[in-house]
C-alpha atoms as a PDB file:
ATOM      1  CA  MET A   1      -0.003  -0.013  -0.010  1.00  0.00           C
ATOM      2  CA  THR A   2       1.354   3.425  -0.954  1.00  0.00           C
ATOM      3  CA  GLN A   3       2.123   5.591   2.060  1.00  0.00           C
ATOM      4  CA  PRO A   4       0.702   9.128   2.064  1.00  0.00           C
ATOM      5  CA  ARG A   5       3.294  11.843   1.478  1.00  0.00           C
ATOM      6  CA  ALA A   6       3.978  14.504   4.098  1.00  0.00           C
ATOM      7  CA  MET A   7       1.870  17.243   2.453  1.00  0.00           C
ATOM      8  CA  THR A   8      -0.962  15.115   1.040  1.00  0.00           C
ATOM      9  CA  GLY A   9      -4.222  16.987   1.457  1.00  0.00           C
ATOM     10  CA  ARG A  10      -2.489  20.325   2.121  1.00  0.00           C
ATOM     11  CA  THR A  11      -2.761  23.416  -0.057  1.00  0.00           C
ATOM     12  CA  VAL A  12       0.171  25.797  -0.418  1.00  0.00           C
ATOM     13  CA  LEU A  13       0.458  29.215  -2.121  1.00  0.00           C
ATOM     14  CA  VAL A  14       3.960  30.214  -3.194  1.00  0.00           C
ATOM     15  CA  THR A  15       4.442  33.804  -4.428  1.00  0.00           C
ATOM     16  CA  GLY A  16       7.037  34.359  -7.057  1.00  0.00           C
ATOM     17  CA  GLY A  17       6.849  30.735  -8.023  1.00  0.00           C
ATOM     18  CA  THR A  18       7.836  30.935 -11.710  1.00  0.00           C
ATOM     19  CA  GLY A  19      11.604  30.607 -11.235  1.00  0.00           C
ATOM     20  CA  GLY A  20      14.521  30.366  -8.846  1.00  0.00           C
ATOM     21  CA  ILE A  21      13.849  29.556  -5.159  1.00  0.00           C
ATOM     22  CA  GLY A  22      10.082  29.977  -5.531  1.00  0.00           C
ATOM     23  CA  LYS A  23       9.716  27.481  -8.358  1.00  0.00           C
ATOM     24  CA  ALA A  24      11.983  25.003  -6.518  1.00  0.00           C
ATOM     25  CA  THR A  25       9.984  25.462  -3.321  1.00  0.00           C
ATOM     26  CA  ALA A  26       6.717  24.783  -5.139  1.00  0.00           C
ATOM     27  CA  ALA A  27       8.165  21.713  -6.895  1.00  0.00           C
ATOM     28  CA  GLY A  28       9.581  20.363  -3.638  1.00  0.00           C
ATOM     29  CA  LEU A  29       6.224  20.713  -1.880  1.00  0.00           C
ATOM     30  CA  ALA A  30       4.384  19.234  -4.826  1.00  0.00           C
ATOM     31  CA  ALA A  31       6.677  16.217  -4.630  1.00  0.00           C
ATOM     32  CA  LEU A  32       5.620  15.874  -0.999  1.00  0.00           C
ATOM     33  CA  GLY A  33       1.960  15.653  -2.164  1.00  0.00           C
ATOM     34  CA  ALA A  34       0.822  19.253  -1.727  1.00  0.00           C
ATOM     35  CA  ARG A  35      -1.696  20.946  -3.935  1.00  0.00           C
ATOM     36  CA  VAL A  36       0.408  23.891  -5.030  1.00  0.00           C
ATOM     37  CA  ALA A  37      -0.543  27.352  -6.272  1.00  0.00           C
ATOM     38  CA  ILE A  38       2.020  29.814  -7.653  1.00  0.00           C
ATOM     39  CA  THR A  39       1.999  33.488  -8.584  1.00  0.00           C
ATOM     40  CA  GLY A  40       3.898  35.179 -11.397  1.00  0.00           C
ATOM     41  CA  ARG A  41       3.815  38.391 -13.409  1.00  0.00           C
ATOM     42  CA  ASP A  42       3.759  36.667 -16.818  1.00  0.00           C
ATOM     43  CA  ARG A  43       1.066  34.049 -17.599  1.00  0.00           C
ATOM     44  CA  ARG A  44       3.025  32.136 -20.138  1.00  0.00           C
ATOM     45  CA  ARG A  45       6.030  31.794 -17.857  1.00  0.00           C
ATOM     46  CA  ALA A  46       3.797  30.896 -14.954  1.00  0.00           C
ATOM     47  CA  GLU A  47       1.990  28.192 -16.921  1.00  0.00           C
ATOM     48  CA  GLU A  48       5.324  26.730 -18.080  1.00  0.00           C
ATOM     49  CA  ALA A  49       6.536  26.663 -14.500  1.00  0.00           C
ATOM     50  CA  ALA A  50       3.261  24.953 -13.420  1.00  0.00           C
ATOM     51  CA  ALA A  51       3.818  22.261 -16.034  1.00  0.00           C
ATOM     52  CA  ASP A  52       7.329  21.651 -14.725  1.00  0.00           C
ATOM     53  CA  ILE A  53       6.090  21.526 -11.097  1.00  0.00           C
ATOM     54  CA  LEU A  54       3.306  19.108 -12.038  1.00  0.00           C
ATOM     55  CA  ALA A  55       5.953  16.879 -13.531  1.00  0.00           C
ATOM     56  CA  ALA A  56       7.589  16.724 -10.111  1.00  0.00           C
ATOM     57  CA  GLY A  57       4.676  14.575  -9.002  1.00  0.00           C
ATOM     58  CA  GLY A  58       2.229  16.967  -7.353  1.00  0.00           C
ATOM     59  CA  PRO A  59      -1.515  16.359  -7.486  1.00  0.00           C
ATOM     60  CA  GLU A  60      -2.467  19.816  -8.848  1.00  0.00           C
ATOM     61  CA  VAL A  61      -0.859  23.194  -9.692  1.00  0.00           C
ATOM     62  CA  GLU A  62      -2.890  26.419  -9.775  1.00  0.00           C
ATOM     63  CA  VAL A  63      -1.587  29.601 -11.470  1.00  0.00           C
ATOM     64  CA  PHE A  64      -2.347  33.155 -10.450  1.00  0.00           C
ATOM     65  CA  VAL A  65      -0.991  36.126 -12.391  1.00  0.00           C
ATOM     66  CA  ALA A  66      -0.214  39.387 -10.577  1.00  0.00           C
ATOM     67  CA  ASP A  67       2.300  42.129 -10.418  1.00  0.00           C
ATOM     68  CA  MET A  68       2.697  42.252  -6.649  1.00  0.00           C
ATOM     69  CA  SER A  69       4.323  45.683  -6.650  1.00  0.00           C
ATOM     70  CA  SER A  70       0.813  46.997  -7.268  1.00  0.00           C
ATOM     71  CA  GLN A  71      -1.478  46.867  -4.208  1.00  0.00           C
ATOM     72  CA  ALA A  72      -4.586  46.656  -6.446  1.00  0.00           C
ATOM     73  CA  GLU A  73      -3.159  43.530  -8.015  1.00  0.00           C
ATOM     74  CA  VAL A  74      -2.293  42.069  -4.556  1.00  0.00           C
ATOM     75  CA  ARG A  75      -5.955  42.651  -3.592  1.00  0.00           C
ATOM     76  CA  ARG A  76      -7.213  41.055  -6.816  1.00  0.00           C
ATOM     77  CA  LEU A  77      -4.795  38.165  -6.281  1.00  0.00           C
ATOM     78  CA  ALA A  78      -6.118  37.594  -2.762  1.00  0.00           C
ATOM     79  CA  ALA A  79      -9.695  37.636  -4.038  1.00  0.00           C
ATOM     80  CA  ASP A  80      -8.836  35.091  -6.779  1.00  0.00           C
ATOM     81  CA  VAL A  81      -7.089  32.858  -4.255  1.00  0.00           C
ATOM     82  CA  LEU A  82      -9.990  32.940  -1.862  1.00  0.00           C
ATOM     83  CA  GLU A  83     -12.371  32.032  -4.656  1.00  0.00           C
ATOM     84  CA  ALA A  84     -10.258  29.236  -6.124  1.00  0.00           C
ATOM     85  CA  LEU A  85      -8.751  27.702  -2.969  1.00  0.00           C
ATOM     86  CA  PRO A  86     -11.409  26.854  -0.329  1.00  0.00           C
ATOM     87  CA  GLY A  87      -8.563  25.464   1.786  1.00  0.00           C
ATOM     88  CA  LEU A  88      -5.272  27.195   2.332  1.00  0.00           C
ATOM     89  CA  ASP A  89      -2.773  25.624   4.757  1.00  0.00           C
ATOM     90  CA  VAL A  90       0.534  27.375   3.974  1.00  0.00           C
ATOM     91  CA  LEU A  91       1.398  30.759   2.534  1.00  0.00           C
ATOM     92  CA  VAL A  92       5.008  31.078   1.348  1.00  0.00           C
ATOM     93  CA  ASN A  93       5.929  34.747   0.903  1.00  0.00           C
ATOM     94  CA  ASN A  94       8.743  34.232  -1.526  1.00  0.00           C
ATOM     95  CA  VAL A  95       8.375  37.071  -4.054  1.00  0.00           C
ATOM     96  CA  GLY A  96      11.072  39.756  -3.869  1.00  0.00           C
ATOM     97  CA  GLY A  97      13.673  41.646  -5.835  1.00  0.00           C
ATOM     98  CA  PHE A  98      16.638  43.962  -5.901  1.00  0.00           C
ATOM     99  CA  TRP A  99      17.033  47.155  -7.927  1.00  0.00           C
ATOM    100  CA  ASN A 100      20.173  49.242  -7.938  1.00  0.00           C
ATOM    101  CA  THR A 101      18.331  52.393  -9.010  1.00  0.00           C
ATOM    102  CA  ARG A 102      15.179  53.795  -7.414  1.00  0.00           C
ATOM    103  CA  HIS A 103      11.942  52.782  -9.112  1.00  0.00           C
ATOM    104  CA  GLY A 104       8.438  53.942  -8.272  1.00  0.00           C
ATOM    105  CA  THR A 105       5.289  51.792  -8.306  1.00  0.00           C
ATOM    106  CA  VAL A 106       1.812  52.609  -9.561  1.00  0.00           C
ATOM    107  CA  ASP A 107       0.974  53.394  -5.893  1.00  0.00           C
ATOM    108  CA  GLY A 108       3.714  56.047  -5.697  1.00  0.00           C
ATOM    109  CA  LEU A 109       5.908  53.872  -3.467  1.00  0.00           C
ATOM    110  CA  GLU A 110       9.482  52.754  -3.781  1.00  0.00           C
ATOM    111  CA  ARG A 111       9.506  49.353  -5.505  1.00  0.00           C
ATOM    112  CA  THR A 112      11.947  47.465  -3.203  1.00  0.00           C
ATOM    113  CA  PHE A 113      10.014  48.314  -0.066  1.00  0.00           C
ATOM    114  CA  ALA A 114       6.640  47.814  -1.872  1.00  0.00           C
ATOM    115  CA  LEU A 115       7.430  44.393  -3.311  1.00  0.00           C
ATOM    116  CA  ASN A 116       9.683  42.901  -0.648  1.00  0.00           C
ATOM    117  CA  HIS A 117       7.755  44.045   2.405  1.00  0.00           C
ATOM    118  CA  LEU A 118       4.363  45.704   1.738  1.00  0.00           C
ATOM    119  CA  ALA A 119       3.239  43.046  -0.747  1.00  0.00           C
ATOM    120  CA  PRO A 120       3.646  40.049   1.672  1.00  0.00           C
ATOM    121  CA  PHE A 121       2.303  42.226   4.521  1.00  0.00           C
ATOM    122  CA  LEU A 122      -0.849  42.999   2.618  1.00  0.00           C
ATOM    123  CA  LEU A 123      -1.339  39.547   1.093  1.00  0.00           C
ATOM    124  CA  THR A 124      -0.869  37.839   4.455  1.00  0.00           C
ATOM    125  CA  HIS A 125      -3.508  40.096   6.028  1.00  0.00           C
ATOM    126  CA  LEU A 126      -5.977  39.403   3.208  1.00  0.00           C
ATOM    127  CA  LEU A 127      -5.527  35.639   3.541  1.00  0.00           C
ATOM    128  CA  LEU A 128      -5.289  35.376   7.331  1.00  0.00           C
ATOM    129  CA  ASP A 129      -8.901  34.481   7.897  1.00  0.00           C
ATOM    130  CA  ARG A 130      -8.726  31.603   5.409  1.00  0.00           C
ATOM    131  CA  LEU A 131      -5.474  30.380   7.000  1.00  0.00           C
ATOM    132  CA  THR A 132      -7.059  30.574  10.459  1.00  0.00           C
ATOM    133  CA  GLU A 133     -10.088  28.571   9.236  1.00  0.00           C
ATOM    134  CA  ASN A 134      -7.654  25.854   8.092  1.00  0.00           C
ATOM    135  CA  ALA A 135      -5.490  25.908  11.302  1.00  0.00           C
ATOM    136  CA  PRO A 136      -3.019  24.570  12.012  1.00  0.00           C
ATOM    137  CA  ALA A 137      -1.611  26.711   9.210  1.00  0.00           C
ATOM    138  CA  ARG A 138       1.693  28.402   8.457  1.00  0.00           C
ATOM    139  CA  VAL A 139       3.054  31.669   7.062  1.00  0.00           C
ATOM    140  CA  VAL A 140       6.595  31.275   5.780  1.00  0.00           C
ATOM    141  CA  THR A 141       8.473  34.407   4.633  1.00  0.00           C
ATOM    142  CA  VAL A 142      11.725  34.466   2.679  1.00  0.00           C
ATOM    143  CA  SER A 143      14.128  37.091   4.054  1.00  0.00           C
ATOM    144  CA  SER A 144      17.927  37.187   3.509  1.00  0.00           C
ATOM    145  CA  GLY A 145      21.128  37.329   5.458  1.00  0.00           C
ATOM    146  CA  ALA A 146      21.124  41.011   4.370  1.00  0.00           C
ATOM    147  CA  GLN A 147      18.657  41.609   7.209  1.00  0.00           C
ATOM    148  CA  ALA A 148      21.687  41.744   9.474  1.00  0.00           C
ATOM    149  CA  MET A 149      22.811  44.916   7.743  1.00  0.00           C
ATOM    150  CA  GLY A 150      19.396  46.531   7.634  1.00  0.00           C
ATOM    151  CA  ARG A 151      17.774  49.260   9.725  1.00  0.00           C
ATOM    152  CA  ILE A 152      14.301  50.734   9.440  1.00  0.00           C
ATOM    153  CA  ASP A 153      14.631  54.432   8.547  1.00  0.00           C
ATOM    154  CA  PHE A 154      11.180  55.739   9.397  1.00  0.00           C
ATOM    155  CA  ALA A 155      12.189  59.225   8.282  1.00  0.00           C
ATOM    156  CA  ASP A 156      12.982  57.949   4.786  1.00  0.00           C
ATOM    157  CA  LEU A 157      11.307  54.592   4.271  1.00  0.00           C
ATOM    158  CA  GLN A 158      10.892  55.251   0.549  1.00  0.00           C
ATOM    159  CA  GLY A 159      14.476  56.415  -0.119  1.00  0.00           C
ATOM    160  CA  GLU A 160      13.345  59.833  -1.283  1.00  0.00           C
ATOM    161  CA  ARG A 161      15.997  61.804   0.546  1.00  0.00           C
ATOM    162  CA  SER A 162      18.942  59.430   0.135  1.00  0.00           C
ATOM    163  CA  TRP A 163      19.130  56.381  -2.109  1.00  0.00           C
ATOM    164  CA  SER A 164      21.150  53.185  -2.096  1.00  0.00           C
ATOM    165  CA  GLY A 165      19.838  50.072  -3.762  1.00  0.00           C
ATOM    166  CA  GLN A 166      21.653  47.836  -1.247  1.00  0.00           C
ATOM    167  CA  ARG A 167      20.472  49.849   1.712  1.00  0.00           C
ATOM    168  CA  ALA A 168      16.906  49.672   0.486  1.00  0.00           C
ATOM    169  CA  TYR A 169      17.172  45.906   0.045  1.00  0.00           C
ATOM    170  CA  ASN A 170      18.710  45.428   3.473  1.00  0.00           C
ATOM    171  CA  GLN A 171      15.906  47.454   5.017  1.00  0.00           C
ATOM    172  CA  SER A 172      13.218  45.435   3.267  1.00  0.00           C
ATOM    173  CA  LYS A 173      14.713  42.151   4.398  1.00  0.00           C
ATOM    174  CA  LEU A 174      14.900  43.341   7.983  1.00  0.00           C
ATOM    175  CA  ALA A 175      11.274  44.403   7.574  1.00  0.00           C
ATOM    176  CA  ASN A 176      10.419  40.763   6.636  1.00  0.00           C
ATOM    177  CA  VAL A 177      11.891  39.596   9.943  1.00  0.00           C
ATOM    178  CA  LEU A 178      10.213  42.280  12.053  1.00  0.00           C
ATOM    179  CA  PHE A 179       6.909  41.593  10.342  1.00  0.00           C
ATOM    180  CA  THR A 180       7.178  37.881  10.996  1.00  0.00           C
ATOM    181  CA  TYR A 181       8.015  38.291  14.700  1.00  0.00           C
ATOM    182  CA  GLU A 182       5.149  40.814  15.180  1.00  0.00           C
ATOM    183  CA  LEU A 183       2.708  38.575  13.241  1.00  0.00           C
ATOM    184  CA  ALA A 184       3.693  35.630  15.474  1.00  0.00           C
ATOM    185  CA  ARG A 185       3.011  37.788  18.578  1.00  0.00           C
ATOM    186  CA  ARG A 186      -0.342  38.951  17.307  1.00  0.00           C
ATOM    187  CA  ARG A 187      -1.508  35.490  16.114  1.00  0.00           C
ATOM    188  CA  GLU A 188      -0.314  33.566  19.149  1.00  0.00           C
ATOM    189  CA  GLY A 189      -2.860  30.902  20.044  1.00  0.00           C
ATOM    190  CA  SER A 190      -4.687  31.205  16.678  1.00  0.00           C
ATOM    191  CA  GLY A 191      -3.174  28.033  15.191  1.00  0.00           C
ATOM    192  CA  VAL A 192      -1.380  30.094  12.518  1.00  0.00           C
ATOM    193  CA  THR A 193       2.390  30.163  12.904  1.00  0.00           C
ATOM    194  CA  ALA A 194       4.812  32.648  11.290  1.00  0.00           C
ATOM    195  CA  ASN A 195       8.454  31.970  10.591  1.00  0.00           C
ATOM    196  CA  VAL A 196      11.087  33.625   8.433  1.00  0.00           C
ATOM    197  CA  LEU A 197      14.204  32.341   6.738  1.00  0.00           C
ATOM    198  CA  HIS A 198      17.530  33.046   5.014  1.00  0.00           C
ATOM    199  CA  PRO A 199      17.790  30.734   1.946  1.00  0.00           C
ATOM    200  CA  GLY A 200      21.499  31.211   1.532  1.00  0.00           C
ATOM    201  CA  VAL A 201      23.311  32.740  -1.436  1.00  0.00           C
ATOM    202  CA  VAL A 202      21.537  31.128  -4.361  1.00  0.00           C
ATOM    203  CA  ARG A 203      22.393  30.817  -8.036  1.00  0.00           C
ATOM    204  CA  THR A 204      19.432  32.591  -9.643  1.00  0.00           C
ATOM    205  CA  ALA A 205      18.750  35.628 -11.902  1.00  0.00           C
ATOM    206  CA  PHE A 206      18.110  37.702  -8.812  1.00  0.00           C
ATOM    207  CA  GLY A 207      18.913  41.394  -9.345  1.00  0.00           C
ATOM    208  CA  ALA A 208      19.667  40.893 -13.092  1.00  0.00           C
ATOM    209  CA  GLU A 209      17.016  43.437 -14.203  1.00  0.00           C
ATOM    210  CA  ASP A 210      18.859  46.353 -12.583  1.00  0.00           C
ATOM    211  CA  PRO A 211      22.134  45.006 -11.179  1.00  0.00           C
ATOM    212  CA  GLY A 212      24.429  46.840  -8.806  1.00  0.00           C
ATOM    213  CA  ARG A 213      28.187  46.476  -8.697  1.00  0.00           C
ATOM    214  CA  LEU A 214      27.928  43.390  -6.538  1.00  0.00           C
ATOM    215  CA  GLN A 215      25.818  41.618  -9.122  1.00  0.00           C
ATOM    216  CA  GLN A 216      27.978  42.841 -12.004  1.00  0.00           C
ATOM    217  CA  TRP A 217      31.420  41.979 -10.669  1.00  0.00           C
ATOM    218  CA  PHE A 218      31.217  39.599  -7.704  1.00  0.00           C
ATOM    219  CA  VAL A 219      28.386  37.227  -8.673  1.00  0.00           C
ATOM    220  CA  PRO A 220      29.957  35.854 -11.866  1.00  0.00           C
ATOM    221  CA  PHE A 221      33.031  34.768  -9.874  1.00  0.00           C
ATOM    222  CA  ALA A 222      30.998  33.477  -6.919  1.00  0.00           C
ATOM    223  CA  ARG A 223      28.333  31.679  -8.980  1.00  0.00           C
ATOM    224  CA  PRO A 224      30.074  28.234  -8.983  1.00  0.00           C
ATOM    225  CA  PHE A 225      30.083  28.331  -5.165  1.00  0.00           C
ATOM    226  CA  MET A 226      26.457  29.394  -4.711  1.00  0.00           C
ATOM    227  CA  LYS A 227      23.652  27.119  -3.761  1.00  0.00           C
ATOM    228  CA  THR A 228      21.365  25.694  -6.476  1.00  0.00           C
ATOM    229  CA  PRO A 229      17.714  26.850  -6.348  1.00  0.00           C
ATOM    230  CA  GLU A 230      16.808  23.432  -4.993  1.00  0.00           C
ATOM    231  CA  GLU A 231      19.322  23.846  -2.141  1.00  0.00           C
ATOM    232  CA  GLY A 232      18.112  27.362  -1.508  1.00  0.00           C
ATOM    233  CA  ALA A 233      14.499  26.162  -1.334  1.00  0.00           C
ATOM    234  CA  ALA A 234      15.265  23.500   1.298  1.00  0.00           C
ATOM    235  CA  THR A 235      14.593  25.742   4.316  1.00  0.00           C
ATOM    236  CA  SER A 236      11.333  27.072   2.823  1.00  0.00           C
ATOM    237  CA  ILE A 237      10.132  23.500   2.237  1.00  0.00           C
ATOM    238  CA  HIS A 238      11.206  22.511   5.731  1.00  0.00           C
ATOM    239  CA  LEU A 239       9.264  25.368   7.344  1.00  0.00           C
ATOM    240  CA  ALA A 240       6.202  24.639   5.230  1.00  0.00           C
ATOM    241  CA  SER A 241       6.122  20.936   5.814  1.00  0.00           C
ATOM    242  CA  ALA A 242       8.016  19.622   8.867  1.00  0.00           C
ATOM    243  CA  PRO A 243       5.637  18.009  11.334  1.00  0.00           C
ATOM    244  CA  GLY A 244       7.782  19.081  14.301  1.00  0.00           C
ATOM    245  CA  LEU A 245       7.282  22.768  13.458  1.00  0.00           C
ATOM    246  CA  GLU A 246       3.495  22.756  13.790  1.00  0.00           C
ATOM    247  CA  HIS A 247       3.664  24.910  16.998  1.00  0.00           C
ATOM    248  CA  VAL A 248       6.912  26.743  16.354  1.00  0.00           C
ATOM    249  CA  SER A 249       6.392  30.439  15.580  1.00  0.00           C
ATOM    250  CA  GLY A 250       8.309  33.700  15.556  1.00  0.00           C
ATOM    251  CA  GLN A 251      11.670  32.107  14.589  1.00  0.00           C
ATOM    252  CA  TYR A 252      14.392  32.856  12.014  1.00  0.00           C
ATOM    253  CA  PHE A 253      15.906  29.868  10.175  1.00  0.00           C
ATOM    254  CA  ALA A 254      18.946  29.237   8.044  1.00  0.00           C
ATOM    255  CA  ASN A 255      19.907  25.853   6.667  1.00  0.00           C
ATOM    256  CA  SER A 256      16.645  24.464   8.094  1.00  0.00           C
ATOM    257  CA  ARG A 257      17.704  25.320  11.670  1.00  0.00           C
ATOM    258  CA  PRO A 258      16.683  28.126  14.026  1.00  0.00           C
ATOM    259  CA  LYS A 259      19.202  30.904  14.278  1.00  0.00           C
ATOM    260  CA  ARG A 260      19.332  34.342  15.884  1.00  0.00           C
ATOM    261  CA  SER A 261      18.607  37.197  13.532  1.00  0.00           C
ATOM    262  CA  SER A 262      20.061  40.714  13.921  1.00  0.00           C
ATOM    263  CA  SER A 263      19.708  42.529  17.248  1.00  0.00           C
ATOM    264  CA  ARG A 264      17.533  45.180  15.548  1.00  0.00           C
ATOM    265  CA  SER A 265      15.019  42.508  14.555  1.00  0.00           C
ATOM    266  CA  TYR A 266      14.095  41.862  18.199  1.00  0.00           C
ATOM    267  CA  ASP A 267      13.059  45.471  18.901  1.00  0.00           C
ATOM    268  CA  SER A 268       9.320  44.955  19.467  1.00  0.00           C
ATOM    269  CA  ALA A 269       8.710  48.727  19.556  1.00  0.00           C
ATOM    270  CA  VAL A 270      10.165  49.151  16.064  1.00  0.00           C
ATOM    271  CA  ALA A 271       8.160  46.091  14.921  1.00  0.00           C
ATOM    272  CA  ALA A 272       4.907  47.545  16.260  1.00  0.00           C
ATOM    273  CA  ARG A 273       5.670  50.941  14.676  1.00  0.00           C
ATOM    274  CA  LEU A 274       6.518  49.286  11.285  1.00  0.00           C
ATOM    275  CA  TRP A 275       3.237  47.292  11.560  1.00  0.00           C
ATOM    276  CA  ASP A 276       1.208  50.524  12.009  1.00  0.00           C
ATOM    277  CA  VAL A 277       3.034  52.335   9.184  1.00  0.00           C
ATOM    278  CA  SER A 278       2.523  49.290   6.931  1.00  0.00           C
ATOM    279  CA  CYS A 279      -1.169  49.286   7.768  1.00  0.00           C
ATOM    280  CA  GLU A 280      -1.407  52.955   6.769  1.00  0.00           C
ATOM    281  CA  LEU A 281       0.518  52.416   3.518  1.00  0.00           C
ATOM    282  CA  THR A 282      -1.578  49.413   2.510  1.00  0.00           C
ATOM    283  CA  GLY A 283      -5.003  50.626   3.690  1.00  0.00           C
ATOM    284  CA  ILE A 284      -5.325  47.894   6.284  1.00  0.00           C
ATOM    285  CA  ALA A 285      -7.453  48.866   9.293  1.00  0.00           C
ATOM    286  CA  ALA A 286      -5.197  49.993  12.132  1.00  0.00           C
ATOM    287  CA  GLY A 287      -6.811  47.525  14.518  1.00  0.00           C
ATOM    288  CA  ALA A 288      -6.187  44.525  12.300  1.00  0.00           C
ATOM    289  CA  SER A 289      -4.646  41.613  14.315  1.00  0.00           C
ATOM    290  CA  PRO A 290      -4.194  43.636  17.515  1.00  0.00           C
ATOM    291  CA  ARG A 291      -1.549  42.730  20.057  1.00  0.00           C
ATOM    292  CA  LYS A 292      -2.818  40.815  23.086  1.00  0.00           C
ATOM    293  CA  ASP A 293      -1.999  43.795  25.233  1.00  0.00           C
ATOM    294  CA  GLU A 294      -4.243  45.928  22.968  1.00  0.00           C
ATOM    295  CA  THR A 295      -7.293  43.770  23.325  1.00  0.00           C
END
């Protein structure tokens, strides 16, 4: 008799699932038996990725098309997901990017902060009720080791006064960690866990659209020593599927093991302030998911 696979009967949404770590994450979870859904900006590329993922042995792959730098498209994506997926057990916030020069979004926001932080913040909020209905459920967010160099500059979150592509990226990745820890605090006891991870330095096309000096000069030499997308996806897959993590929340992982993140990431006052600012920038009600000490 065939034994059920670890994720049989579970539904997972992976954002940015058309290539790199996201596609490898979706394929790995499909191979464990999950019904997988992916998002991508380009329908043709997303459908090609879905075909590849289905070939990994998963029962079903759903495709959603959205440019997640646009909040209207994040909201439409959430509505489409809620209509198409009556059950949602795991949300993997994988989408992200790096731009060396400053780019604006249709919402008048800086793209790095909008895509890397505000998009997962908004999507998670819009899907939280569905995740809670399916508890135990998990929110897994992909950060980076760059979070250790980040700081949240509330006076210039959008990089309007002073710009550095690397500084903006570092800030957004720290924001991922602060968001995760704050979400874990606010959803304690709900059956929805929230964890965040560093995938390692992975051999992908990351940053190729608008590369900085690091991508132009260092990456070609370092590429042979980088992780493959499959190796980079291992921690995301672990956090989404490991039975022993069902009640683990508010943790930072690297190489599938818990690890301390930067000292700034444990500042709960900064996390709470970032939460409030993010609510304002995304139009989420200020009282959404209040802290226990606020109820």
